[in-house]
Amino acid sequence: MSLRAAINRKCRECIYDAKSGAGTWRQQIEACTATTCPLWPVRPKATKKE
């Protein structure tokens, strides 16, 4: 497993709630407010289309 995949998996396990209706897993993780988490600076973010 790559480092990126491991980070994505851990963040998703920590915060994602499919039943919340608060967006995709990336959107929910991007909105994470746990700034003291060591993974916060490298958490996955939703891609923005331009």
PDB file of N, CA and C in Angstrom:
ATOM      1  N   MET A   1       0.857  -1.168   0.000  1.00  0.00           N
ATOM      2  CA  MET A   1       0.000   0.000   0.000  1.00  0.00           C
ATOM      3  C   MET A   1       0.905   1.234   0.000  1.00  0.00           C
ATOM      4  N   SER A   2       0.531   2.198  -0.807  1.00  0.00           N
ATOM      5  CA  SER A   2       1.308   3.432  -0.872  1.00  0.00           C
ATOM      6  C   SER A   2       1.025   4.313   0.349  1.00  0.00           C
ATOM      7  N   LEU A   3       1.897   5.260   0.590  1.00  0.00           N
ATOM      8  CA  LEU A   3       1.717   6.199   1.693  1.00  0.00           C
ATOM      9  C   LEU A   3       0.428   7.002   1.506  1.00  0.00           C
ATOM     10  N   ARG A   4       0.176   7.445   0.278  1.00  0.00           N
ATOM     11  CA  ARG A   4      -1.048   8.213  -0.009  1.00  0.00           C
ATOM     12  C   ARG A   4      -2.287   7.381   0.296  1.00  0.00           C
ATOM     13  N   ALA A   5      -2.285   6.124  -0.110  1.00  0.00           N
ATOM     14  CA  ALA A   5      -3.425   5.244   0.142  1.00  0.00           C
ATOM     15  C   ALA A   5      -3.622   5.026   1.639  1.00  0.00           C
ATOM     16  N   ALA A   6      -2.517   4.893   2.379  1.00  0.00           N
ATOM     17  CA  ALA A   6      -2.614   4.695   3.826  1.00  0.00           C
ATOM     18  C   ALA A   6      -3.188   5.930   4.514  1.00  0.00           C
ATOM     19  N   ILE A   7      -2.758   7.118   4.102  1.00  0.00           N
ATOM     20  CA  ILE A   7      -3.288   8.358   4.670  1.00  0.00           C
ATOM     21  C   ILE A   7      -4.771   8.488   4.344  1.00  0.00           C
ATOM     22  N   ASN A   8      -5.140   8.250   3.092  1.00  0.00           N
ATOM     23  CA  ASN A   8      -6.541   8.326   2.694  1.00  0.00           C
ATOM     24  C   ASN A   8      -7.395   7.368   3.520  1.00  0.00           C
ATOM     25  N   ARG A   9      -6.908   6.157   3.686  1.00  0.00           N
ATOM     26  CA  ARG A   9      -7.655   5.142   4.426  1.00  0.00           C
ATOM     27  C   ARG A   9      -7.843   5.549   5.890  1.00  0.00           C
ATOM     28  N   LYS A  10      -6.788   6.044   6.523  1.00  0.00           N
ATOM     29  CA  LYS A  10      -6.874   6.430   7.928  1.00  0.00           C
ATOM     30  C   LYS A  10      -7.830   7.611   8.116  1.00  0.00           C
ATOM     31  N   CYS A  11      -7.727   8.619   7.266  1.00  0.00           N
ATOM     32  CA  CYS A  11      -8.627   9.772   7.367  1.00  0.00           C
ATOM     33  C   CYS A  11     -10.080   9.355   7.131  1.00  0.00           C
ATOM     34  N   ARG A  12     -10.285   8.523   6.155  1.00  0.00           N
ATOM     35  CA  ARG A  12     -11.644   8.060   5.856  1.00  0.00           C
ATOM     36  C   ARG A  12     -12.217   7.264   7.026  1.00  0.00           C
ATOM     37  N   GLU A  13     -11.395   6.419   7.620  1.00  0.00           N
ATOM     38  CA  GLU A  13     -11.811   5.627   8.776  1.00  0.00           C
ATOM     39  C   GLU A  13     -12.150   6.534   9.963  1.00  0.00           C
ATOM     40  N   CYS A  14     -11.421   7.611  10.103  1.00  0.00           N
ATOM     41  CA  CYS A  14     -11.579   8.509  11.245  1.00  0.00           C
ATOM     42  C   CYS A  14     -12.837   9.375  11.156  1.00  0.00           C
ATOM     43  N   ILE A  15     -13.117   9.956   9.999  1.00  0.00           N
ATOM     44  CA  ILE A  15     -14.131  11.011   9.949  1.00  0.00           C
ATOM     45  C   ILE A  15     -15.313  10.737   9.016  1.00  0.00           C
ATOM     46  N   TYR A  16     -15.155   9.917   8.026  1.00  0.00           N
ATOM     47  CA  TYR A  16     -16.210   9.767   7.011  1.00  0.00           C
ATOM     48  C   TYR A  16     -17.449   9.078   7.553  1.00  0.00           C
ATOM     49  N   ASP A  17     -18.607   9.675   7.263  1.00  0.00           N
ATOM     50  CA  ASP A  17     -19.901   9.096   7.625  1.00  0.00           C
ATOM     51  C   ASP A  17     -20.785   9.131   6.387  1.00  0.00           C
ATOM     52  N   ALA A  18     -20.922   7.987   5.748  1.00  0.00           N
ATOM     53  CA  ALA A  18     -21.685   7.895   4.501  1.00  0.00           C
ATOM     54  C   ALA A  18     -23.152   8.270   4.686  1.00  0.00           C
ATOM     55  N   LYS A  19     -23.671   8.096   5.877  1.00  0.00           N
ATOM     56  CA  LYS A  19     -25.089   8.360   6.128  1.00  0.00           C
ATOM     57  C   LYS A  19     -25.377   9.801   6.531  1.00  0.00           C
ATOM     58  N   SER A  20     -24.345  10.612   6.701  1.00  0.00           N
ATOM     59  CA  SER A  20     -24.549  11.979   7.189  1.00  0.00           C
ATOM     60  C   SER A  20     -25.115  12.920   6.126  1.00  0.00           C
ATOM     61  N   GLY A  21     -24.860  12.612   4.870  1.00  0.00           N
ATOM     62  CA  GLY A  21     -25.317  13.500   3.808  1.00  0.00           C
ATOM     63  C   GLY A  21     -24.482  14.775   3.710  1.00  0.00           C
ATOM     64  N   ALA A  22     -23.291  14.762   4.314  1.00  0.00           N
ATOM     65  CA  ALA A  22     -22.432  15.948   4.350  1.00  0.00           C
ATOM     66  C   ALA A  22     -21.411  15.969   3.218  1.00  0.00           C
ATOM     67  N   GLY A  23     -21.676  15.259   2.151  1.00  0.00           N
ATOM     68  CA  GLY A  23     -20.768  15.267   1.009  1.00  0.00           C
ATOM     69  C   GLY A  23     -20.003  13.966   0.861  1.00  0.00           C
ATOM     70  N   THR A  24     -19.127  13.966  -0.123  1.00  0.00           N
ATOM     71  CA  THR A  24     -18.305  12.791  -0.395  1.00  0.00           C
ATOM     72  C   THR A  24     -17.281  12.613   0.720  1.00  0.00           C
ATOM     73  N   TRP A  25     -16.600  11.483   0.702  1.00  0.00           N
ATOM     74  CA  TRP A  25     -15.598  11.261   1.745  1.00  0.00           C
ATOM     75  C   TRP A  25     -14.497  12.296   1.660  1.00  0.00           C
ATOM     76  N   ARG A  26     -14.102  12.694   0.469  1.00  0.00           N
ATOM     77  CA  ARG A  26     -13.063  13.727   0.336  1.00  0.00           C
ATOM     78  C   ARG A  26     -13.551  15.078   0.852  1.00  0.00           C
ATOM     79  N   GLN A  27     -14.789  15.429   0.583  1.00  0.00           N
ATOM     80  CA  GLN A  27     -15.333  16.696   1.071  1.00  0.00           C
ATOM     81  C   GLN A  27     -15.402  16.707   2.588  1.00  0.00           C
ATOM     82  N   GLN A  28     -15.810  15.599   3.176  1.00  0.00           N
ATOM     83  CA  GLN A  28     -15.883  15.516   4.632  1.00  0.00           C
ATOM     84  C   GLN A  28     -14.494  15.606   5.261  1.00  0.00           C
ATOM     85  N   ILE A  29     -13.523  14.958   4.661  1.00  0.00           N
ATOM     86  CA  ILE A  29     -12.168  14.999   5.189  1.00  0.00           C
ATOM     87  C   ILE A  29     -11.559  16.384   5.004  1.00  0.00           C
ATOM     88  N   GLU A  30     -11.838  17.026   3.879  1.00  0.00           N
ATOM     89  CA  GLU A  30     -11.341  18.383   3.655  1.00  0.00           C
ATOM     90  C   GLU A  30     -11.890  19.346   4.709  1.00  0.00           C
ATOM     91  N   ALA A  31     -13.097  19.101   5.188  1.00  0.00           N
ATOM     92  CA  ALA A  31     -13.732  19.962   6.195  1.00  0.00           C
ATOM     93  C   ALA A  31     -13.297  19.597   7.624  1.00  0.00           C
ATOM     94  N   CYS A  32     -12.423  18.638   7.774  1.00  0.00           N
ATOM     95  CA  CYS A  32     -11.959  18.208   9.100  1.00  0.00           C
ATOM     96  C   CYS A  32     -11.365  19.385   9.861  1.00  0.00           C
ATOM     97  N   THR A  33     -11.703  19.466  11.144  1.00  0.00           N
ATOM     98  CA  THR A  33     -11.207  20.561  11.978  1.00  0.00           C
ATOM     99  C   THR A  33     -10.192  20.087  13.020  1.00  0.00           C
ATOM    100  N   ALA A  34      -9.739  18.865  12.920  1.00  0.00           N
ATOM    101  CA  ALA A  34      -8.782  18.308  13.883  1.00  0.00           C
ATOM    102  C   ALA A  34      -7.361  18.746  13.508  1.00  0.00           C
ATOM    103  N   THR A  35      -7.090  20.030  13.658  1.00  0.00           N
ATOM    104  CA  THR A  35      -5.804  20.589  13.230  1.00  0.00           C
ATOM    105  C   THR A  35      -4.609  20.067  14.020  1.00  0.00           C
ATOM    106  N   THR A  36      -4.844  19.437  15.161  1.00  0.00           N
ATOM    107  CA  THR A  36      -3.732  18.866  15.919  1.00  0.00           C
ATOM    108  C   THR A  36      -3.377  17.452  15.455  1.00  0.00           C
ATOM    109  N   CYS A  37      -4.169  16.900  14.553  1.00  0.00           N
ATOM    110  CA  CYS A  37      -3.876  15.581  13.998  1.00  0.00           C
ATOM    111  C   CYS A  37      -2.618  15.667  13.132  1.00  0.00           C
ATOM    112  N   PRO A  38      -1.684  14.731  13.286  1.00  0.00           N
ATOM    113  CA  PRO A  38      -0.469  14.770  12.474  1.00  0.00           C
ATOM    114  C   PRO A  38      -0.735  14.618  10.972  1.00  0.00           C
ATOM    115  N   LEU A  39      -1.878  14.052  10.605  1.00  0.00           N
ATOM    116  CA  LEU A  39      -2.195  13.880   9.185  1.00  0.00           C
ATOM    117  C   LEU A  39      -2.951  15.067   8.595  1.00  0.00           C
ATOM    118  N   TRP A  40      -3.373  16.015   9.413  1.00  0.00           N
ATOM    119  CA  TRP A  40      -4.197  17.123   8.942  1.00  0.00           C
ATOM    120  C   TRP A  40      -3.557  17.885   7.771  1.00  0.00           C
ATOM    121  N   PRO A  41      -2.264  18.209   7.826  1.00  0.00           N
ATOM    122  CA  PRO A  41      -1.673  18.955   6.701  1.00  0.00           C
ATOM    123  C   PRO A  41      -1.629  18.172   5.389  1.00  0.00           C
ATOM    124  N   VAL A  42      -1.677  16.861   5.461  1.00  0.00           N
ATOM    125  CA  VAL A  42      -1.565  16.039   4.248  1.00  0.00           C
ATOM    126  C   VAL A  42      -2.852  15.273   3.950  1.00  0.00           C
ATOM    127  N   ARG A  43      -3.938  15.656   4.613  1.00  0.00           N
ATOM    128  CA  ARG A  43      -5.216  14.965   4.410  1.00  0.00           C
ATOM    129  C   ARG A  43      -5.669  15.119   2.953  1.00  0.00           C
ATOM    130  N   PRO A  44      -6.450  14.165   2.459  1.00  0.00           N
ATOM    131  CA  PRO A  44      -6.950  14.278   1.087  1.00  0.00           C
ATOM    132  C   PRO A  44      -7.911  15.449   0.970  1.00  0.00           C
ATOM    133  N   LYS A  45      -7.893  16.080  -0.171  1.00  0.00           N
ATOM    134  CA  LYS A  45      -8.784  17.217  -0.417  1.00  0.00           C
ATOM    135  C   LYS A  45      -9.546  16.956  -1.702  1.00  0.00           C
ATOM    136  N   ALA A  46     -10.746  17.492  -1.766  1.00  0.00           N
ATOM    137  CA  ALA A  46     -11.576  17.341  -2.960  1.00  0.00           C
ATOM    138  C   ALA A  46     -10.892  18.054  -4.129  1.00  0.00           C
ATOM    139  N   THR A  47     -10.951  17.447  -5.280  1.00  0.00           N
ATOM    140  CA  THR A  47     -10.372  18.085  -6.452  1.00  0.00           C
ATOM    141  C   THR A  47     -11.319  19.159  -6.943  1.00  0.00           C
ATOM    142  N   LYS A  48     -10.757  20.256  -7.372  1.00  0.00           N
ATOM    143  CA  LYS A  48     -11.561  21.376  -7.849  1.00  0.00           C
ATOM    144  C   LYS A  48     -11.428  21.461  -9.351  1.00  0.00           C
ATOM    145  N   LYS A  49     -12.541  21.474 -10.034  1.00  0.00           N
ATOM    146  CA  LYS A  49     -12.548  21.579 -11.487  1.00  0.00           C
ATOM    147  C   LYS A  49     -12.591  23.056 -11.863  1.00  0.00           C
ATOM    148  N   GLU A  50     -11.751  23.424 -12.822  1.00  0.00           N
ATOM    149  CA  GLU A  50     -11.711  24.821 -13.269  1.00  0.00           C
ATOM    150  C   GLU A  50     -12.165  24.922 -14.699  1.00  0.00           C
TER     151      GLU A  50
END
